[in-house]
């Protein structure tokens, strides 16, 4: 009986070590940091911010009668109550969602961002555009996907749609590349891109290779288009914001090997 007890103890120890290869992301989130006028082609406009994370974040921009292209504002998940942006690295696993409404007399694009190290404020968008209703993911390190082209979805300004992004590092390798999934809930239905694999980055740059790469930022954006001669406005509201870190599988499962210990 004593030998059986020792074997059982060894089995539990091996199981504990195996489960130790499943670690939760180190990124804890307890707030959001808002950044305005990243693009500032209309410096005389009126920007308003209501940061009531996680209940809602609202960014509005009015008096947009300027010549030029756009104003860009964003928010980022924060680990220190909104003082600074949280840093997301290649091996972190996470999922976040919110309900988004884009409204106003002018046109804009808004949505979620997973922005790479070289473009913390601009690139890497799951984007909703009011001019033509396009809903698509593009830019930065994100695999391209269009809900408009693939599923015929078009956003109508002033309506609510749910957005969700899930990032899984998997093996951070060519054989087991990280994946990202985009999810849209609109008009009572749910649409998904399915898990999309990342291609390889440049490891010589020092930010990792497969995946979103180290030193990324995660959150949302509002880019408003200017209307020369017309005092337009645009507002984006993200409500019911939910962020969850997820288990990160650093090695392939060894459960089959563990079961062999009982044979």
Protein backbone atom coordinates (compact mmCIF):
# COMPACT_ATOMS: atom_id res chain seq x y z
CA UNK A 1 0.00 0.00 0.00
CA UNK A 2 2.85 2.34 0.75
CA UNK A 3 4.33 1.88 -2.74
CA UNK A 4 0.95 2.61 -4.32
CA UNK A 5 0.70 5.78 -2.24
CA UNK A 6 4.13 6.92 -3.42
CA UNK A 7 3.16 6.25 -7.06
CA UNK A 8 -0.05 8.21 -6.64
CA UNK A 9 1.90 11.08 -5.10
CA UNK A 10 4.33 11.06 -8.00
CA UNK A 11 1.42 11.06 -10.45
CA UNK A 12 -0.15 14.07 -8.75
CA UNK A 13 3.19 15.86 -8.79
CA UNK A 14 3.62 15.26 -12.52
CA UNK A 15 0.04 16.42 -13.10
CA UNK A 16 0.72 19.59 -11.14
CA UNK A 17 3.85 20.26 -13.19
CA UNK A 18 1.92 19.69 -16.41
CA UNK A 19 -0.88 22.02 -15.39
CA UNK A 20 1.82 24.52 -14.51
CA UNK A 21 2.45 24.84 -18.26
CA UNK A 22 -1.02 26.41 -18.43
CA UNK A 23 -0.47 29.90 -17.02
CA UNK A 24 -2.82 32.86 -16.89
CA UNK A 25 -1.82 36.06 -18.60
CA UNK A 26 0.00 38.50 -16.37
CA UNK A 27 -2.06 41.41 -17.72
CA UNK A 28 -4.55 42.49 -15.07
CA UNK A 29 -6.94 45.28 -16.04
CA UNK A 30 -8.68 47.67 -13.64
CA UNK A 31 -9.34 50.74 -15.75
CA UNK A 32 -8.95 52.53 -19.07
CA UNK A 33 -6.72 55.38 -20.24
CA UNK A 34 -8.17 57.79 -22.83
CA UNK A 35 -6.02 59.62 -25.40
CA UNK A 36 -7.43 62.43 -27.54
CA UNK A 37 -6.24 64.21 -30.70
CA UNK A 38 -3.81 61.56 -31.95
CA UNK A 39 -4.79 62.87 -35.36
CA UNK A 40 -5.65 66.54 -34.86
CA UNK A 41 -6.58 67.92 -38.28
CA UNK A 42 -9.29 70.05 -36.65
CA UNK A 43 -7.73 71.53 -33.49
CA UNK A 44 -10.71 73.88 -32.96
CA UNK A 45 -13.21 71.05 -32.53
CA UNK A 46 -14.82 70.25 -29.17
CA UNK A 47 -13.85 66.89 -27.69
CA UNK A 48 -15.79 65.38 -24.77
CA UNK A 49 -14.88 62.26 -22.80
CA UNK A 50 -16.83 60.20 -20.26
CA UNK A 51 -14.61 57.45 -18.92
CA UNK A 52 -16.83 55.33 -16.69
CA UNK A 53 -15.04 52.03 -17.29
CA UNK A 54 -16.24 49.29 -17.27
CA UNK A 55 -19.81 50.56 -17.50
CA UNK A 56 -19.12 52.71 -20.53
CA UNK A 57 -16.58 54.91 -22.30
CA UNK A 58 -17.90 57.74 -24.47
CA UNK A 59 -15.78 59.92 -26.76
CA UNK A 60 -17.41 62.71 -28.75
CA UNK A 61 -16.04 65.26 -31.20
CA UNK A 62 -18.09 68.25 -32.44
CA UNK A 63 -17.67 71.41 -34.54
CA UNK A 64 -15.79 69.51 -37.23
CA UNK A 65 -16.03 72.17 -39.94
CA UNK A 66 -12.32 72.11 -40.76
CA UNK A 67 -10.35 71.40 -43.91
CA UNK A 68 -8.27 68.25 -43.62
CA UNK A 69 -8.84 64.56 -43.07
CA UNK A 70 -9.72 63.43 -39.55
CA UNK A 71 -9.34 63.60 -35.79
CA UNK A 72 -8.43 60.36 -34.01
CA UNK A 73 -9.00 59.51 -30.34
CA UNK A 74 -8.62 56.20 -28.49
CA UNK A 75 -8.77 54.42 -25.15
CA UNK A 76 -6.54 51.65 -23.81
CA UNK A 77 -6.94 49.04 -21.11
CA UNK A 78 -4.96 50.00 -18.02
CA UNK A 79 -3.49 48.09 -15.07
CA UNK A 80 -3.15 51.15 -12.81
CA UNK A 81 -6.64 52.62 -12.79
CA UNK A 82 -6.27 54.56 -16.03
CA UNK A 83 -2.96 56.34 -15.36
CA UNK A 84 -1.07 54.48 -18.11
CA UNK A 85 -1.70 51.92 -20.85
CA UNK A 86 -1.36 48.24 -20.01
CA UNK A 87 1.39 46.46 -21.95
CA UNK A 88 0.39 43.24 -23.74
CA UNK A 89 3.07 40.78 -24.78
CA UNK A 90 3.11 38.03 -27.37
CA UNK A 91 2.46 35.20 -24.92
CA UNK A 92 -0.48 36.85 -23.14
CA UNK A 93 -3.93 35.38 -23.70
CA UNK A 94 -7.03 37.58 -23.46
CA UNK A 95 -10.60 38.15 -24.55
CA UNK A 96 -12.60 41.38 -24.44
CA UNK A 97 -15.98 42.60 -25.60
CA UNK A 98 -18.33 45.59 -25.55
CA UNK A 99 -21.46 46.97 -27.16
CA UNK A 100 -20.67 49.85 -29.54
CA UNK A 101 -22.86 52.69 -30.83
CA UNK A 102 -21.54 55.27 -33.30
CA UNK A 103 -23.82 58.28 -33.67
CA UNK A 104 -23.93 61.91 -34.76
CA UNK A 105 -24.55 64.04 -37.83
CA UNK A 106 -21.08 63.36 -39.25
CA UNK A 107 -19.32 60.18 -40.32
CA UNK A 108 -16.70 58.24 -38.41
CA UNK A 109 -15.12 54.88 -37.88
CA UNK A 110 -14.76 53.17 -34.54
CA UNK A 111 -14.28 49.80 -32.88
CA UNK A 112 -11.53 47.80 -31.16
CA UNK A 113 -7.76 47.83 -31.52
CA UNK A 114 -4.88 45.43 -30.89
CA UNK A 115 -2.07 47.80 -31.79
CA UNK A 116 1.53 46.69 -32.46
CA UNK A 117 4.70 47.98 -30.85
CA UNK A 118 5.50 50.38 -33.70
CA UNK A 119 2.01 51.98 -33.75
CA UNK A 120 0.50 52.01 -30.26
CA UNK A 121 -2.22 54.54 -31.12
CA UNK A 122 -3.24 54.01 -34.73
CA UNK A 123 -2.99 50.57 -36.34
CA UNK A 124 -4.54 47.17 -35.75
CA UNK A 125 -8.32 47.68 -35.95
CA UNK A 126 -11.57 45.75 -35.81
CA UNK A 127 -13.27 48.64 -37.54
CA UNK A 128 -16.85 49.82 -38.02
CA UNK A 129 -17.29 52.58 -40.63
CA UNK A 130 -20.43 54.68 -40.99
CA UNK A 131 -19.78 55.96 -44.53
CA UNK A 132 -20.53 52.59 -46.16
CA UNK A 133 -21.22 50.34 -43.15
CA UNK A 134 -18.09 48.22 -43.64
CA UNK A 135 -17.09 45.99 -40.70
CA UNK A 136 -13.56 44.62 -41.08
CA UNK A 137 -10.31 43.83 -39.24
CA UNK A 138 -7.02 45.04 -40.67
CA UNK A 139 -3.69 46.77 -40.04
CA UNK A 140 -0.77 46.27 -37.70
CA UNK A 141 -0.22 42.56 -37.06
CA UNK A 142 -3.90 41.60 -37.37
CA UNK A 143 -4.97 38.98 -39.92
CA UNK A 144 -7.39 40.62 -42.36
CA UNK A 145 -11.06 39.70 -42.22
CA UNK A 146 -14.16 41.44 -43.61
CA UNK A 147 -17.59 40.71 -42.15
CA UNK A 148 -19.02 42.82 -44.98
CA UNK A 149 -17.39 40.75 -47.72
CA UNK A 150 -17.79 37.37 -46.00
CA UNK A 151 -21.20 37.68 -44.34
CA UNK A 152 -22.78 40.72 -45.97
CA UNK A 153 -22.88 42.78 -42.76
CA UNK A 154 -23.27 46.57 -42.98
CA UNK A 155 -23.39 48.81 -39.92
CA UNK A 156 -26.13 51.44 -39.69
CA UNK A 157 -25.18 54.56 -37.75
CA UNK A 158 -26.97 54.96 -34.42
CA UNK A 159 -27.55 51.23 -33.87
CA UNK A 160 -25.85 48.99 -31.33
CA UNK A 161 -23.59 46.07 -32.21
CA UNK A 162 -21.50 43.78 -30.05
CA UNK A 163 -17.79 43.36 -30.73
CA UNK A 164 -15.46 40.74 -29.27
CA UNK A 165 -11.82 39.78 -29.79
CA UNK A 166 -10.10 36.65 -28.46
CA UNK A 167 -6.32 36.18 -28.72
CA UNK A 168 -4.64 32.80 -28.06
CA UNK A 169 -0.82 32.47 -28.20
CA UNK A 170 -0.88 28.68 -28.60
CA UNK A 171 2.72 27.54 -29.24
CA UNK A 172 4.10 30.85 -30.62
CA UNK A 173 5.57 28.84 -33.49
CA UNK A 174 5.03 27.97 -37.13
CA UNK A 175 3.56 24.59 -36.20
CA UNK A 176 1.27 26.08 -33.53
CA UNK A 177 0.87 29.78 -34.40
CA UNK A 178 -1.12 32.22 -32.29
CA UNK A 179 -4.69 32.85 -33.40
CA UNK A 180 -7.18 35.67 -33.09
CA UNK A 181 -10.95 35.49 -33.43
CA UNK A 182 -13.23 38.42 -34.26
CA UNK A 183 -16.89 38.18 -33.22
CA UNK A 184 -19.75 40.53 -34.17
CA UNK A 185 -23.23 40.41 -32.68
CA UNK A 186 -25.71 42.41 -34.73
CA UNK A 187 -29.40 42.31 -35.48
CA UNK A 188 -29.99 39.41 -33.11
CA UNK A 189 -27.35 37.16 -34.73
CA UNK A 190 -23.74 36.29 -33.98
CA UNK A 191 -21.04 36.19 -36.63
CA UNK A 192 -17.45 34.98 -36.25
CA UNK A 193 -14.27 34.97 -38.28
CA UNK A 194 -13.25 31.73 -36.65
CA UNK A 195 -9.67 31.47 -35.30
CA UNK A 196 -7.29 33.16 -37.74
CA UNK A 197 -3.57 32.32 -37.59
CA UNK A 198 -0.88 35.00 -37.44
CA UNK A 199 1.99 34.96 -39.90
CA UNK A 200 5.62 35.34 -38.88
CA UNK A 201 7.06 38.67 -37.82
CA UNK A 202 10.70 39.66 -37.88
CA UNK A 203 12.47 38.20 -34.81
CA UNK A 204 15.51 40.41 -35.49
CA UNK A 205 13.46 43.42 -34.36
CA UNK A 206 13.41 42.00 -30.83
CA UNK A 207 9.63 41.85 -30.24
CA UNK A 208 9.01 38.18 -30.91
CA UNK A 209 8.07 36.40 -34.10
CA UNK A 210 4.73 34.60 -34.44
CA UNK A 211 1.73 36.47 -33.02
CA UNK A 212 0.79 40.05 -32.20
CA UNK A 213 4.37 40.63 -30.90
CA UNK A 214 5.50 42.15 -27.60
CA UNK A 215 4.74 45.65 -26.34
CA UNK A 216 1.23 45.83 -27.87
CA UNK A 217 -1.69 47.99 -26.68
CA UNK A 218 -5.35 46.97 -26.56
CA UNK A 219 -8.54 49.06 -26.50
CA UNK A 220 -10.80 51.08 -28.80
CA UNK A 221 -10.76 54.04 -31.21
CA UNK A 222 -12.89 56.80 -32.70
CA UNK A 223 -11.77 58.46 -35.92
CA UNK A 224 -14.05 61.31 -37.04
CA UNK A 225 -14.07 62.68 -40.58
CA UNK A 226 -14.00 66.43 -41.08
CA UNK A 227 -16.74 68.32 -42.93
CA UNK A 228 -15.49 71.69 -44.23
CA UNK A 229 -18.19 74.34 -44.00
CA UNK A 230 -20.53 72.14 -41.95
CA UNK A 231 -20.51 71.91 -38.16
CA UNK A 232 -20.90 68.14 -37.82
CA UNK A 233 -20.32 65.84 -34.83
CA UNK A 234 -19.67 62.18 -34.09
CA UNK A 235 -19.72 60.11 -30.91
CA UNK A 236 -18.73 56.55 -30.02
CA UNK A 237 -19.93 54.78 -26.88
CA UNK A 238 -18.57 51.42 -25.72
CA UNK A 239 -20.80 49.97 -22.99
CA UNK A 240 -20.77 46.81 -20.86
CA UNK A 241 -17.02 46.44 -21.38
CA UNK A 242 -15.70 43.03 -20.34
CA UNK A 243 -12.05 41.97 -20.22
CA UNK A 244 -10.81 38.50 -19.30
CA UNK A 245 -7.30 37.03 -19.29
CA UNK A 246 -7.27 33.43 -20.46
CA UNK A 247 -5.17 30.30 -19.97
CA UNK A 248 -2.04 30.30 -22.10
CA UNK A 249 -0.89 26.88 -23.30
CA UNK A 250 2.89 27.12 -23.45
CA UNK A 251 3.38 23.46 -24.38
CA UNK A 252 1.24 20.84 -26.12
CA UNK A 253 -0.98 18.88 -23.75
CA UNK A 254 0.69 15.97 -21.99
CA UNK A 255 -2.58 14.52 -20.69
CA UNK A 256 -2.14 11.38 -22.80
CA UNK A 257 1.25 10.75 -21.18
CA UNK A 258 -0.21 11.29 -17.74
CA UNK A 259 -2.94 8.72 -18.34
CA UNK A 260 -0.22 6.21 -19.19
CA UNK A 261 1.00 6.37 -15.59
CA UNK A 262 -2.18 4.61 -14.47
CA UNK A 263 -1.75 1.66 -16.84
